[in-house]
Amino acid sequence: GSSGGGEEEEVDRAAGAGSSQPQRMKIGWPTDVRHVAHVTFDRFHGFRGVPAELQPEPALAKAPSASKTAFGVSTESMQCAHDARGNSVPTILLLLQRRLYEQGGLKTEGIFRVAADGAQEQRVRDQLDLAASVPEDADVHCLAGLIKAWFRELPGGLLDALPEEEVARCATEEAAARLIGKLPAAKAALLDWAVQLMADVASEEARNRMGTRNVAMVFAPNMTEVISDAEYELNFDHLFLCGSNFVHFTLLYDHLHL
């Protein structure tokens, strides 16, 4: 019988190489357990409750998300902050935006259209994943490319929650506004942030040659999740036309002066 009030369990174990008789070994419940820490991930503050001895190096303290990467994860698992309009936006996007503006990206010709250097973009991605920081030598096209990449890799896509046939029929600013009302709150906030960014770009059209139509055309293909390269090739024209029209009308609705 067991002496722990039924809390112990008996198991058989081979006694040894020279014995054919099993031995009985009693395994009891743990008796010396300490609750060291309860760690949670807060979207607005990052990891909370981490003991001092387990804190990361200062350079690594600001984890961008609860996962190992800042790209390809849902906003629910990312550290967020509020933009000037009160939208809850992943801090990685706000960081990239701030650096883009500080480095004169809005006045750079072809911003969001010109492709970044692939090696530099990968290096900056790695740094964002590791420490939520941007290397000082990252150029504006790299920053813009990573903003597009973040939306392109967003699970579920930004606009995929909208009825495809309604997006295809969208032909006025008012129709775009009605569609936005059908987006889940988190994605509506992301779209609003992206539209403000595009509006800032378009406001410098005289210098960057990226007016509302151009910036909508380069952004829109990144706002729909595509399962495979084959599907992308097959549906590119349709996705490009429908998405860019919707984004363009959304941009015009919010910023009729552009």
C-alpha atoms as a PDB file:
ATOM      1  CA  GLY A   1       0.000   0.000   0.000  1.00  0.00           C
ATOM      2  CA  SER A   2       1.074   3.622  -0.296  1.00  0.00           C
ATOM      3  CA  SER A   3       1.677   5.815   2.728  1.00  0.00           C
ATOM      4  CA  GLY A   4       0.965   9.207   1.176  1.00  0.00           C
ATOM      5  CA  GLY A   5      -2.805   9.167   1.478  1.00  0.00           C
ATOM      6  CA  GLY A   6      -3.154   7.758  -2.030  1.00  0.00           C
ATOM      7  CA  GLU A   7      -0.885  10.434  -3.497  1.00  0.00           C
ATOM      8  CA  GLU A   8       1.973   8.079  -4.383  1.00  0.00           C
ATOM      9  CA  GLU A   9       2.182   5.824  -7.374  1.00  0.00           C
ATOM     10  CA  GLU A  10       3.999   2.453  -7.591  1.00  0.00           C
ATOM     11  CA  VAL A  11       5.892   1.493 -10.730  1.00  0.00           C
ATOM     12  CA  ASP A  12       7.972  -1.516 -11.731  1.00  0.00           C
ATOM     13  CA  ARG A  13      11.646  -1.094 -12.480  1.00  0.00           C
ATOM     14  CA  ALA A  14      14.143  -3.700 -13.589  1.00  0.00           C
ATOM     15  CA  ALA A  15      16.302  -4.486 -10.565  1.00  0.00           C
ATOM     16  CA  GLY A  16      19.542  -4.947 -12.433  1.00  0.00           C
ATOM     17  CA  ALA A  17      21.356  -6.883 -15.061  1.00  0.00           C
ATOM     18  CA  GLY A  18      21.494 -10.074 -12.985  1.00  0.00           C
ATOM     19  CA  SER A  19      17.960 -10.073 -11.620  1.00  0.00           C
ATOM     20  CA  SER A  20      14.792 -11.220 -13.290  1.00  0.00           C
ATOM     21  CA  GLN A  21      12.554  -9.965 -10.472  1.00  0.00           C
ATOM     22  CA  PRO A  22      11.202  -6.436 -10.771  1.00  0.00           C
ATOM     23  CA  GLN A  23      11.641  -3.981  -7.904  1.00  0.00           C
ATOM     24  CA  ARG A  24       8.838  -1.726  -6.690  1.00  0.00           C
ATOM     25  CA  MET A  25       9.745   1.967  -6.601  1.00  0.00           C
ATOM     26  CA  LYS A  26       7.495   4.589  -5.087  1.00  0.00           C
ATOM     27  CA  ILE A  27       7.219   7.939  -6.862  1.00  0.00           C
ATOM     28  CA  GLY A  28       5.695  10.638  -4.697  1.00  0.00           C
ATOM     29  CA  TRP A  29       4.345  14.089  -5.499  1.00  0.00           C
ATOM     30  CA  PRO A  30       6.921  16.956  -5.429  1.00  0.00           C
ATOM     31  CA  THR A  31       7.289  18.349  -1.913  1.00  0.00           C
ATOM     32  CA  ASP A  32       9.706  21.252  -2.422  1.00  0.00           C
ATOM     33  CA  VAL A  33       8.187  23.414  -5.156  1.00  0.00           C
ATOM     34  CA  ARG A  34       8.776  27.155  -5.442  1.00  0.00           C
ATOM     35  CA  HIS A  35       6.797  29.523  -7.664  1.00  0.00           C
ATOM     36  CA  VAL A  36       9.657  31.643  -9.023  1.00  0.00           C
ATOM     37  CA  ALA A  37       7.872  33.968 -11.449  1.00  0.00           C
ATOM     38  CA  HIS A  38       4.733  34.475 -13.476  1.00  0.00           C
ATOM     39  CA  VAL A  39       5.668  36.031 -16.828  1.00  0.00           C
ATOM     40  CA  THR A  40       3.075  37.449 -19.191  1.00  0.00           C
ATOM     41  CA  PHE A  41       3.221  39.306 -22.505  1.00  0.00           C
ATOM     42  CA  ASP A  42       1.495  42.683 -22.534  1.00  0.00           C
ATOM     43  CA  ARG A  43       0.917  44.145 -26.001  1.00  0.00           C
ATOM     44  CA  PHE A  44       1.695  47.642 -24.732  1.00  0.00           C
ATOM     45  CA  HIS A  45       4.581  46.889 -22.342  1.00  0.00           C
ATOM     46  CA  GLY A  46       6.190  43.677 -23.625  1.00  0.00           C
ATOM     47  CA  PHE A  47       7.154  40.880 -21.227  1.00  0.00           C
ATOM     48  CA  ARG A  48       6.145  41.564 -17.625  1.00  0.00           C
ATOM     49  CA  GLY A  49       7.195  39.793 -14.435  1.00  0.00           C
ATOM     50  CA  VAL A  50      10.628  38.618 -15.626  1.00  0.00           C
ATOM     51  CA  PRO A  51      12.971  38.245 -12.586  1.00  0.00           C
ATOM     52  CA  ALA A  52      15.947  40.621 -12.567  1.00  0.00           C
ATOM     53  CA  GLU A  53      18.441  37.770 -12.961  1.00  0.00           C
ATOM     54  CA  LEU A  54      16.649  36.623 -16.105  1.00  0.00           C
ATOM     55  CA  GLN A  55      16.308  40.055 -17.692  1.00  0.00           C
ATOM     56  CA  PRO A  56      17.861  40.284 -21.177  1.00  0.00           C
ATOM     57  CA  GLU A  57      20.745  42.562 -22.008  1.00  0.00           C
ATOM     58  CA  PRO A  58      19.636  46.218 -22.280  1.00  0.00           C
ATOM     59  CA  ALA A  59      19.975  46.120 -26.067  1.00  0.00           C
ATOM     60  CA  LEU A  60      17.605  43.165 -26.209  1.00  0.00           C
ATOM     61  CA  ALA A  61      15.099  44.310 -23.599  1.00  0.00           C
ATOM     62  CA  LYS A  62      12.438  45.624 -25.967  1.00  0.00           C
ATOM     63  CA  ALA A  63      11.111  42.463 -27.530  1.00  0.00           C
ATOM     64  CA  PRO A  64       8.861  43.403 -30.475  1.00  0.00           C
ATOM     65  CA  SER A  65       6.588  40.409 -30.045  1.00  0.00           C
ATOM     66  CA  ALA A  66       5.864  37.310 -28.003  1.00  0.00           C
ATOM     67  CA  SER A  67       7.261  35.200 -30.846  1.00  0.00           C
ATOM     68  CA  LYS A  68      10.796  34.963 -32.203  1.00  0.00           C
ATOM     69  CA  THR A  69      10.109  37.233 -35.153  1.00  0.00           C
ATOM     70  CA  ALA A  70       8.537  40.634 -35.724  1.00  0.00           C
ATOM     71  CA  PHE A  71       7.225  39.567 -39.136  1.00  0.00           C
ATOM     72  CA  GLY A  72       4.509  37.089 -40.043  1.00  0.00           C
ATOM     73  CA  VAL A  73       2.771  37.205 -36.662  1.00  0.00           C
ATOM     74  CA  SER A  74      -0.633  38.556 -35.655  1.00  0.00           C
ATOM     75  CA  THR A  75      -0.951  41.943 -33.996  1.00  0.00           C
ATOM     76  CA  GLU A  76      -2.378  40.234 -30.898  1.00  0.00           C
ATOM     77  CA  SER A  77       1.048  38.795 -30.079  1.00  0.00           C
ATOM     78  CA  MET A  78       3.020  41.975 -30.838  1.00  0.00           C
ATOM     79  CA  GLN A  79       4.027  44.842 -28.605  1.00  0.00           C
ATOM     80  CA  CYS A  80       1.900  47.848 -29.605  1.00  0.00           C
ATOM     81  CA  ALA A  81       1.661  51.579 -28.979  1.00  0.00           C
ATOM     82  CA  HIS A  82      -0.799  54.275 -29.992  1.00  0.00           C
ATOM     83  CA  ASP A  83      -0.167  56.541 -32.959  1.00  0.00           C
ATOM     84  CA  ALA A  84      -1.190  60.215 -33.095  1.00  0.00           C
ATOM     85  CA  ARG A  85      -4.756  59.233 -34.077  1.00  0.00           C
ATOM     86  CA  GLY A  86      -5.156  56.738 -31.231  1.00  0.00           C
ATOM     87  CA  ASN A  87      -4.694  53.618 -33.357  1.00  0.00           C
ATOM     88  CA  SER A  88      -3.106  50.593 -31.691  1.00  0.00           C
ATOM     89  CA  VAL A  89      -0.127  49.833 -33.948  1.00  0.00           C
ATOM     90  CA  PRO A  90       2.818  47.423 -33.544  1.00  0.00           C
ATOM     91  CA  THR A  91       5.819  49.348 -32.233  1.00  0.00           C
ATOM     92  CA  ILE A  92       7.981  47.948 -35.025  1.00  0.00           C
ATOM     93  CA  LEU A  93       5.894  49.866 -37.590  1.00  0.00           C
ATOM     94  CA  LEU A  94       6.093  53.077 -35.576  1.00  0.00           C
ATOM     95  CA  LEU A  95       9.858  52.628 -35.273  1.00  0.00           C
ATOM     96  CA  LEU A  96      10.306  52.104 -39.014  1.00  0.00           C
ATOM     97  CA  GLN A  97       8.031  55.068 -39.766  1.00  0.00           C
ATOM     98  CA  ARG A  98       9.912  57.402 -37.432  1.00  0.00           C
ATOM     99  CA  ARG A  99      13.267  56.494 -38.929  1.00  0.00           C
ATOM    100  CA  LEU A 100      11.869  56.842 -42.455  1.00  0.00           C
ATOM    101  CA  TYR A 101      10.681  60.386 -41.712  1.00  0.00           C
ATOM    102  CA  GLU A 102      13.854  61.375 -39.846  1.00  0.00           C
ATOM    103  CA  GLN A 103      16.021  60.295 -42.778  1.00  0.00           C
ATOM    104  CA  GLY A 104      14.036  62.268 -45.346  1.00  0.00           C
ATOM    105  CA  GLY A 105      12.270  59.284 -46.845  1.00  0.00           C
ATOM    106  CA  LEU A 106       9.128  61.259 -47.674  1.00  0.00           C
ATOM    107  CA  LYS A 107      11.139  63.483 -50.007  1.00  0.00           C
ATOM    108  CA  THR A 108      13.046  60.629 -51.677  1.00  0.00           C
ATOM    109  CA  GLU A 109      12.107  59.957 -55.293  1.00  0.00           C
ATOM    110  CA  GLY A 110      10.371  56.610 -55.755  1.00  0.00           C
ATOM    111  CA  ILE A 111       9.948  55.915 -52.041  1.00  0.00           C
ATOM    112  CA  PHE A 112       7.990  52.646 -51.557  1.00  0.00           C
ATOM    113  CA  ARG A 113       8.484  51.913 -55.269  1.00  0.00           C
ATOM    114  CA  VAL A 114      12.277  51.512 -55.482  1.00  0.00           C
ATOM    115  CA  ALA A 115      13.421  48.095 -54.249  1.00  0.00           C
ATOM    116  CA  ALA A 116      15.829  47.923 -51.334  1.00  0.00           C
ATOM    117  CA  ASP A 117      19.147  46.087 -51.299  1.00  0.00           C
ATOM    118  CA  GLY A 118      18.262  42.502 -50.390  1.00  0.00           C
ATOM    119  CA  ALA A 119      21.249  41.870 -48.128  1.00  0.00           C
ATOM    120  CA  GLN A 120      20.690  45.080 -46.174  1.00  0.00           C
ATOM    121  CA  GLU A 121      16.980  44.370 -45.800  1.00  0.00           C
ATOM    122  CA  GLN A 122      17.693  40.914 -44.349  1.00  0.00           C
ATOM    123  CA  ARG A 123      20.272  42.331 -41.931  1.00  0.00           C
ATOM    124  CA  VAL A 124      17.826  44.971 -40.684  1.00  0.00           C
ATOM    125  CA  ARG A 125      15.077  42.340 -40.346  1.00  0.00           C
ATOM    126  CA  ASP A 126      17.374  40.231 -38.197  1.00  0.00           C
ATOM    127  CA  GLN A 127      18.130  43.224 -35.969  1.00  0.00           C
ATOM    128  CA  LEU A 128      14.422  44.023 -35.608  1.00  0.00           C
ATOM    129  CA  ASP A 129      13.699  40.420 -34.632  1.00  0.00           C
ATOM    130  CA  LEU A 130      16.525  40.383 -32.110  1.00  0.00           C
ATOM    131  CA  ALA A 131      16.241  43.763 -30.424  1.00  0.00           C
ATOM    132  CA  ALA A 132      13.473  45.854 -32.021  1.00  0.00           C
ATOM    133  CA  SER A 133      16.023  48.394 -33.206  1.00  0.00           C
ATOM    134  CA  VAL A 134      17.106  49.689 -36.605  1.00  0.00           C
ATOM    135  CA  PRO A 135      20.809  49.914 -37.554  1.00  0.00           C
ATOM    136  CA  GLU A 136      21.968  53.489 -38.119  1.00  0.00           C
ATOM    137  CA  ASP A 137      23.060  52.766 -41.694  1.00  0.00           C
ATOM    138  CA  ALA A 138      19.671  51.455 -42.898  1.00  0.00           C
ATOM    139  CA  ASP A 139      18.646  53.498 -45.939  1.00  0.00           C
ATOM    140  CA  VAL A 140      15.147  54.824 -46.610  1.00  0.00           C
ATOM    141  CA  HIS A 141      14.310  52.265 -49.313  1.00  0.00           C
ATOM    142  CA  CYS A 142      15.154  49.472 -46.871  1.00  0.00           C
ATOM    143  CA  LEU A 143      12.880  51.015 -44.234  1.00  0.00           C
ATOM    144  CA  ALA A 144      10.036  51.420 -46.739  1.00  0.00           C
ATOM    145  CA  GLY A 145      10.524  47.874 -48.034  1.00  0.00           C
ATOM    146  CA  LEU A 146      10.287  46.431 -44.527  1.00  0.00           C
ATOM    147  CA  ILE A 147       7.030  48.282 -43.854  1.00  0.00           C
ATOM    148  CA  LYS A 148       5.557  46.703 -46.994  1.00  0.00           C
ATOM    149  CA  ALA A 149       7.004  43.315 -46.028  1.00  0.00           C
ATOM    150  CA  TRP A 150       5.359  43.503 -42.600  1.00  0.00           C
ATOM    151  CA  PHE A 151       1.929  43.962 -44.190  1.00  0.00           C
ATOM    152  CA  ARG A 152       2.625  41.346 -46.858  1.00  0.00           C
ATOM    153  CA  GLU A 153       3.432  38.728 -44.223  1.00  0.00           C
ATOM    154  CA  LEU A 154       0.572  39.602 -41.852  1.00  0.00           C
ATOM    155  CA  PRO A 155      -1.414  36.381 -41.205  1.00  0.00           C
ATOM    156  CA  GLY A 156      -4.805  36.622 -42.868  1.00  0.00           C
ATOM    157  CA  GLY A 157      -3.869  39.738 -44.811  1.00  0.00           C
ATOM    158  CA  LEU A 158      -5.085  43.219 -43.963  1.00  0.00           C
ATOM    159  CA  LEU A 159      -7.970  43.325 -46.447  1.00  0.00           C
ATOM    160  CA  ASP A 160      -8.910  39.636 -46.657  1.00  0.00           C
ATOM    161  CA  ALA A 161     -11.684  40.066 -44.077  1.00  0.00           C
ATOM    162  CA  LEU A 162     -13.592  42.159 -46.631  1.00  0.00           C
ATOM    163  CA  PRO A 163     -15.947  40.550 -49.183  1.00  0.00           C
ATOM    164  CA  GLU A 164     -13.848  40.179 -52.335  1.00  0.00           C
ATOM    165  CA  GLU A 165     -16.726  41.036 -54.670  1.00  0.00           C
ATOM    166  CA  GLU A 166     -17.384  44.298 -52.802  1.00  0.00           C
ATOM    167  CA  VAL A 167     -13.722  45.267 -52.972  1.00  0.00           C
ATOM    168  CA  ALA A 168     -13.806  44.548 -56.715  1.00  0.00           C
ATOM    169  CA  ARG A 169     -16.854  46.814 -57.140  1.00  0.00           C
ATOM    170  CA  CYS A 170     -15.430  49.653 -55.047  1.00  0.00           C
ATOM    171  CA  ALA A 171     -15.460  52.705 -57.323  1.00  0.00           C
ATOM    172  CA  THR A 172     -15.994  55.710 -55.039  1.00  0.00           C
ATOM    173  CA  GLU A 173     -14.569  57.201 -51.881  1.00  0.00           C
ATOM    174  CA  GLU A 174     -17.899  56.613 -50.118  1.00  0.00           C
ATOM    175  CA  ALA A 175     -17.938  52.922 -51.074  1.00  0.00           C
ATOM    176  CA  ALA A 176     -14.428  52.569 -49.657  1.00  0.00           C
ATOM    177  CA  ALA A 177     -15.531  54.185 -46.398  1.00  0.00           C
ATOM    178  CA  ARG A 178     -18.452  51.748 -46.066  1.00  0.00           C
ATOM    179  CA  LEU A 179     -16.118  48.805 -46.617  1.00  0.00           C
ATOM    180  CA  ILE A 180     -13.705  50.009 -43.956  1.00  0.00           C
ATOM    181  CA  GLY A 181     -16.579  49.813 -41.488  1.00  0.00           C
ATOM    182  CA  LYS A 182     -16.690  46.045 -42.047  1.00  0.00           C
ATOM    183  CA  LEU A 183     -13.090  45.482 -40.950  1.00  0.00           C
ATOM    184  CA  PRO A 184     -12.316  44.084 -37.484  1.00  0.00           C
ATOM    185  CA  ALA A 185     -11.159  46.869 -35.158  1.00  0.00           C
ATOM    186  CA  ALA A 186      -7.503  45.785 -35.068  1.00  0.00           C
ATOM    187  CA  LYS A 187      -7.225  45.697 -38.855  1.00  0.00           C
ATOM    188  CA  ALA A 188      -9.177  48.933 -39.273  1.00  0.00           C
ATOM    189  CA  ALA A 189      -6.595  50.603 -37.013  1.00  0.00           C
ATOM    190  CA  LEU A 190      -3.752  49.190 -39.112  1.00  0.00           C
ATOM    191  CA  LEU A 191      -5.382  50.368 -42.337  1.00  0.00           C
ATOM    192  CA  ASP A 192      -5.898  53.849 -40.891  1.00  0.00           C
ATOM    193  CA  TRP A 193      -2.223  53.995 -39.911  1.00  0.00           C
ATOM    194  CA  ALA A 194      -1.154  52.859 -43.388  1.00  0.00           C
ATOM    195  CA  VAL A 195      -3.459  55.401 -45.057  1.00  0.00           C
ATOM    196  CA  GLN A 196      -1.944  58.224 -42.984  1.00  0.00           C
ATOM    197  CA  LEU A 197       1.517  57.053 -44.021  1.00  0.00           C
ATOM    198  CA  MET A 198       0.501  56.989 -47.692  1.00  0.00           C
ATOM    199  CA  ALA A 199      -1.046  60.445 -47.343  1.00  0.00           C
ATOM    200  CA  ASP A 200       2.221  61.795 -45.935  1.00  0.00           C
ATOM    201  CA  VAL A 201       4.065  60.288 -48.899  1.00  0.00           C
ATOM    202  CA  ALA A 202       1.582  61.718 -51.418  1.00  0.00           C
ATOM    203  CA  SER A 203       1.821  65.170 -49.835  1.00  0.00           C
ATOM    204  CA  GLU A 204       5.437  65.304 -51.060  1.00  0.00           C
ATOM    205  CA  GLU A 205       4.580  64.245 -54.623  1.00  0.00           C
ATOM    206  CA  ALA A 206       6.442  67.224 -56.096  1.00  0.00           C
ATOM    207  CA  ARG A 207       9.688  65.752 -54.738  1.00  0.00           C
ATOM    208  CA  ASN A 208       9.126  62.002 -54.552  1.00  0.00           C
ATOM    209  CA  ARG A 209       6.849  61.583 -57.608  1.00  0.00           C
ATOM    210  CA  MET A 210       4.582  59.325 -55.580  1.00  0.00           C
ATOM    211  CA  GLY A 211       1.043  60.719 -55.719  1.00  0.00           C
ATOM    212  CA  THR A 212      -2.044  58.998 -54.337  1.00  0.00           C
ATOM    213  CA  ARG A 213      -2.458  56.654 -57.301  1.00  0.00           C
ATOM    214  CA  ASN A 214       1.199  55.612 -57.360  1.00  0.00           C
ATOM    215  CA  VAL A 215       1.514  55.022 -53.627  1.00  0.00           C
ATOM    216  CA  ALA A 216      -1.760  53.061 -53.583  1.00  0.00           C
ATOM    217  CA  MET A 217      -0.515  50.889 -56.446  1.00  0.00           C
ATOM    218  CA  VAL A 218       2.702  49.923 -54.650  1.00  0.00           C
ATOM    219  CA  PHE A 219       1.043  49.376 -51.256  1.00  0.00           C
ATOM    220  CA  ALA A 220      -2.107  47.466 -52.241  1.00  0.00           C
ATOM    221  CA  PRO A 221      -0.514  44.153 -53.366  1.00  0.00           C
ATOM    222  CA  ASN A 222       0.972  43.812 -49.869  1.00  0.00           C
ATOM    223  CA  MET A 223      -2.391  43.996 -48.113  1.00  0.00           C
ATOM    224  CA  THR A 224      -3.780  40.646 -49.266  1.00  0.00           C
ATOM    225  CA  GLU A 225      -2.425  37.280 -48.146  1.00  0.00           C
ATOM    226  CA  VAL A 226      -1.377  35.060 -51.042  1.00  0.00           C
ATOM    227  CA  ILE A 227      -0.989  31.375 -50.237  1.00  0.00           C
ATOM    228  CA  SER A 228       1.554  30.497 -52.923  1.00  0.00           C
ATOM    229  CA  ASP A 229       3.670  32.000 -55.692  1.00  0.00           C
ATOM    230  CA  ALA A 230       1.511  30.201 -58.264  1.00  0.00           C
ATOM    231  CA  GLU A 231      -1.645  31.766 -56.841  1.00  0.00           C
ATOM    232  CA  TYR A 232       0.059  35.144 -56.809  1.00  0.00           C
ATOM    233  CA  GLU A 233       0.994  34.872 -60.485  1.00  0.00           C
ATOM    234  CA  LEU A 234      -2.489  33.649 -61.402  1.00  0.00           C
ATOM    235  CA  ASN A 235      -4.383  36.381 -59.558  1.00  0.00           C
ATOM    236  CA  PHE A 236      -1.920  39.260 -59.640  1.00  0.00           C
ATOM    237  CA  ASP A 237      -3.779  41.450 -62.138  1.00  0.00           C
ATOM    238  CA  HIS A 238      -7.087  41.034 -60.312  1.00  0.00           C
ATOM    239  CA  LEU A 239      -5.599  41.550 -56.851  1.00  0.00           C
ATOM    240  CA  PHE A 240      -3.551  44.492 -58.034  1.00  0.00           C
ATOM    241  CA  LEU A 241      -6.436  46.292 -59.725  1.00  0.00           C
ATOM    242  CA  CYS A 242      -9.057  45.690 -57.022  1.00  0.00           C
ATOM    243  CA  GLY A 243      -6.754  46.343 -54.116  1.00  0.00           C
ATOM    244  CA  SER A 244      -5.151  49.460 -55.531  1.00  0.00           C
ATOM    245  CA  ASN A 245      -8.542  50.951 -56.433  1.00  0.00           C
ATOM    246  CA  PHE A 246      -9.869  50.345 -52.926  1.00  0.00           C
ATOM    247  CA  VAL A 247      -6.736  51.730 -51.257  1.00  0.00           C
ATOM    248  CA  HIS A 248      -6.739  54.732 -53.589  1.00  0.00           C
ATOM    249  CA  PHE A 249     -10.361  55.601 -52.834  1.00  0.00           C
ATOM    250  CA  THR A 250      -9.745  55.107 -49.108  1.00  0.00           C
ATOM    251  CA  LEU A 251      -6.835  57.508 -49.332  1.00  0.00           C
ATOM    252  CA  LEU A 252      -8.905  60.068 -51.215  1.00  0.00           C
ATOM    253  CA  TYR A 253     -11.802  59.746 -48.769  1.00  0.00           C
ATOM    254  CA  ASP A 254      -9.570  60.527 -45.799  1.00  0.00           C
ATOM    255  CA  HIS A 255      -7.537  63.190 -47.587  1.00  0.00           C
ATOM    256  CA  LEU A 256      -9.645  64.914 -50.228  1.00  0.00           C
ATOM    257  CA  HIS A 257      -7.096  67.727 -50.486  1.00  0.00           C
ATOM    258  CA  LEU A 258      -4.465  65.403 -51.977  1.00  0.00           C
END
